[in-house]
Amino acid sequence: MNYIKKSLLFISVVLLLQFPLIETQAAETTSIPISLTGDNFEITPYVNTIEWRYKIINGRLYKRQYNYVKNRWIGNWILIK
């Protein structure tokens, strides 16, 4: 019985030495898509650039948000004055 315990202990130690514990870490990453056009590399950001656009109709001031990255309007025109 003592021989079997020693053999199992020896095999366990050998296996642990062959497969050491690996420490892993997870981190948040931000990916940026890269499109290849010819010999040039073009980086396209994911971050939207949104700004207010203004216009005057019949003496009244309106505003509306515009996404410059997607070239799209956001929402409807809002009357300011």
C-alpha atoms as a PDB file:
ATOM      1  CA  MET A   1       0.000   0.000   0.000  1.00  0.00           C
ATOM      2  CA  ASN A   2       2.817   2.343   0.845  1.00  0.00           C
ATOM      3  CA  TYR A   3       4.413   1.626  -2.555  1.00  0.00           C
ATOM      4  CA  ILE A   4       1.197   2.614  -4.398  1.00  0.00           C
ATOM      5  CA  LYS A   5       0.925   5.923  -2.520  1.00  0.00           C
ATOM      6  CA  LYS A   6       4.563   6.755  -3.265  1.00  0.00           C
ATOM      7  CA  SER A   7       4.087   5.853  -6.939  1.00  0.00           C
ATOM      8  CA  LEU A   8       0.984   8.046  -7.241  1.00  0.00           C
ATOM      9  CA  LEU A   9       2.766  10.911  -5.513  1.00  0.00           C
ATOM     10  CA  PHE A  10       5.752  10.565  -7.842  1.00  0.00           C
ATOM     11  CA  ILE A  11       3.539  10.497 -10.958  1.00  0.00           C
ATOM     12  CA  SER A  12       1.599  13.530  -9.706  1.00  0.00           C
ATOM     13  CA  VAL A  13       4.803  15.501  -9.137  1.00  0.00           C
ATOM     14  CA  VAL A  14       6.142  14.574 -12.571  1.00  0.00           C
ATOM     15  CA  LEU A  15       2.893  15.628 -14.246  1.00  0.00           C
ATOM     16  CA  LEU A  16       2.811  18.929 -12.367  1.00  0.00           C
ATOM     17  CA  LEU A  17       6.383  19.686 -13.421  1.00  0.00           C
ATOM     18  CA  GLN A  18       5.597  18.975 -17.065  1.00  0.00           C
ATOM     19  CA  PHE A  19       2.456  21.129 -17.053  1.00  0.00           C
ATOM     20  CA  PRO A  20       3.231  24.190 -14.935  1.00  0.00           C
ATOM     21  CA  LEU A  21       0.410  26.445 -13.851  1.00  0.00           C
ATOM     22  CA  ILE A  22      -0.162  29.250 -16.336  1.00  0.00           C
ATOM     23  CA  GLU A  23      -1.336  32.607 -15.103  1.00  0.00           C
ATOM     24  CA  THR A  24      -3.632  34.439 -17.483  1.00  0.00           C
ATOM     25  CA  GLN A  25      -4.923  37.978 -17.385  1.00  0.00           C
ATOM     26  CA  ALA A  26      -7.816  39.554 -19.238  1.00  0.00           C
ATOM     27  CA  ALA A  27      -7.746  43.141 -20.379  1.00  0.00           C
ATOM     28  CA  GLU A  28     -10.224  45.339 -22.199  1.00  0.00           C
ATOM     29  CA  THR A  29      -9.077  46.035 -25.725  1.00  0.00           C
ATOM     30  CA  THR A  30     -10.090  48.643 -28.218  1.00  0.00           C
ATOM     31  CA  SER A  31      -9.900  47.482 -31.808  1.00  0.00           C
ATOM     32  CA  ILE A  32      -9.546  49.748 -34.788  1.00  0.00           C
ATOM     33  CA  PRO A  33     -10.467  48.357 -38.203  1.00  0.00           C
ATOM     34  CA  ILE A  34      -7.787  48.785 -40.849  1.00  0.00           C
ATOM     35  CA  SER A  35      -8.673  48.797 -44.513  1.00  0.00           C
ATOM     36  CA  LEU A  36      -6.023  48.342 -47.154  1.00  0.00           C
ATOM     37  CA  THR A  37      -6.315  50.451 -50.276  1.00  0.00           C
ATOM     38  CA  GLY A  38      -3.465  49.879 -52.700  1.00  0.00           C
ATOM     39  CA  ASP A  39      -0.140  50.566 -51.015  1.00  0.00           C
ATOM     40  CA  ASN A  40      -1.695  52.865 -48.403  1.00  0.00           C
ATOM     41  CA  PHE A  41      -3.006  51.913 -45.004  1.00  0.00           C
ATOM     42  CA  GLU A  42      -6.140  53.695 -43.857  1.00  0.00           C
ATOM     43  CA  ILE A  43      -7.242  53.544 -40.218  1.00  0.00           C
ATOM     44  CA  THR A  44     -10.952  53.949 -39.584  1.00  0.00           C
ATOM     45  CA  PRO A  45     -11.829  54.879 -35.991  1.00  0.00           C
ATOM     46  CA  TYR A  46     -14.880  53.507 -34.184  1.00  0.00           C
ATOM     47  CA  VAL A  47     -15.377  56.707 -32.193  1.00  0.00           C
ATOM     48  CA  ASN A  48     -18.250  58.768 -33.526  1.00  0.00           C
ATOM     49  CA  THR A  49     -17.775  62.494 -33.979  1.00  0.00           C
ATOM     50  CA  ILE A  50     -21.139  64.091 -33.219  1.00  0.00           C
ATOM     51  CA  GLU A  51     -21.727  67.836 -33.276  1.00  0.00           C
ATOM     52  CA  TRP A  52     -24.679  70.211 -33.400  1.00  0.00           C
ATOM     53  CA  ARG A  53     -25.635  71.798 -36.729  1.00  0.00           C
ATOM     54  CA  TYR A  54     -27.748  74.961 -36.848  1.00  0.00           C
ATOM     55  CA  LYS A  55     -30.066  76.559 -39.399  1.00  0.00           C
ATOM     56  CA  ILE A  56     -32.487  79.476 -39.515  1.00  0.00           C
ATOM     57  CA  ILE A  57     -35.938  79.052 -41.060  1.00  0.00           C
ATOM     58  CA  ASN A  58     -38.309  82.061 -41.134  1.00  0.00           C
ATOM     59  CA  GLY A  59     -36.197  83.870 -38.509  1.00  0.00           C
ATOM     60  CA  ARG A  60     -36.270  80.922 -36.103  1.00  0.00           C
ATOM     61  CA  LEU A  61     -33.129  79.079 -35.017  1.00  0.00           C
ATOM     62  CA  TYR A  62     -33.105  75.277 -35.163  1.00  0.00           C
ATOM     63  CA  LYS A  63     -30.460  72.754 -34.136  1.00  0.00           C
ATOM     64  CA  ARG A  64     -29.852  69.075 -34.937  1.00  0.00           C
ATOM     65  CA  GLN A  65     -27.052  66.637 -34.224  1.00  0.00           C
ATOM     66  CA  TYR A  66     -24.910  65.264 -37.061  1.00  0.00           C
ATOM     67  CA  ASN A  67     -22.592  62.226 -36.993  1.00  0.00           C
ATOM     68  CA  TYR A  68     -19.537  63.131 -39.078  1.00  0.00           C
ATOM     69  CA  VAL A  69     -18.096  59.600 -39.058  1.00  0.00           C
ATOM     70  CA  LYS A  70     -21.254  57.948 -40.435  1.00  0.00           C
ATOM     71  CA  ASN A  71     -22.388  61.057 -42.379  1.00  0.00           C
ATOM     72  CA  ARG A  72     -25.891  60.820 -40.869  1.00  0.00           C
ATOM     73  CA  TRP A  73     -28.323  63.065 -39.076  1.00  0.00           C
ATOM     74  CA  ILE A  74     -29.338  62.156 -35.524  1.00  0.00           C
ATOM     75  CA  GLY A  75     -32.849  62.974 -34.376  1.00  0.00           C
ATOM     76  CA  ASN A  76     -35.022  65.808 -35.655  1.00  0.00           C
ATOM     77  CA  TRP A  77     -34.575  69.557 -35.888  1.00  0.00           C
ATOM     78  CA  ILE A  78     -35.190  71.235 -32.528  1.00  0.00           C
ATOM     79  CA  LEU A  79     -36.538  74.796 -32.300  1.00  0.00           C
ATOM     80  CA  ILE A  80     -34.297  76.968 -30.098  1.00  0.00           C
ATOM     81  CA  LYS A  81     -35.775  80.468 -30.561  1.00  0.00           C
END
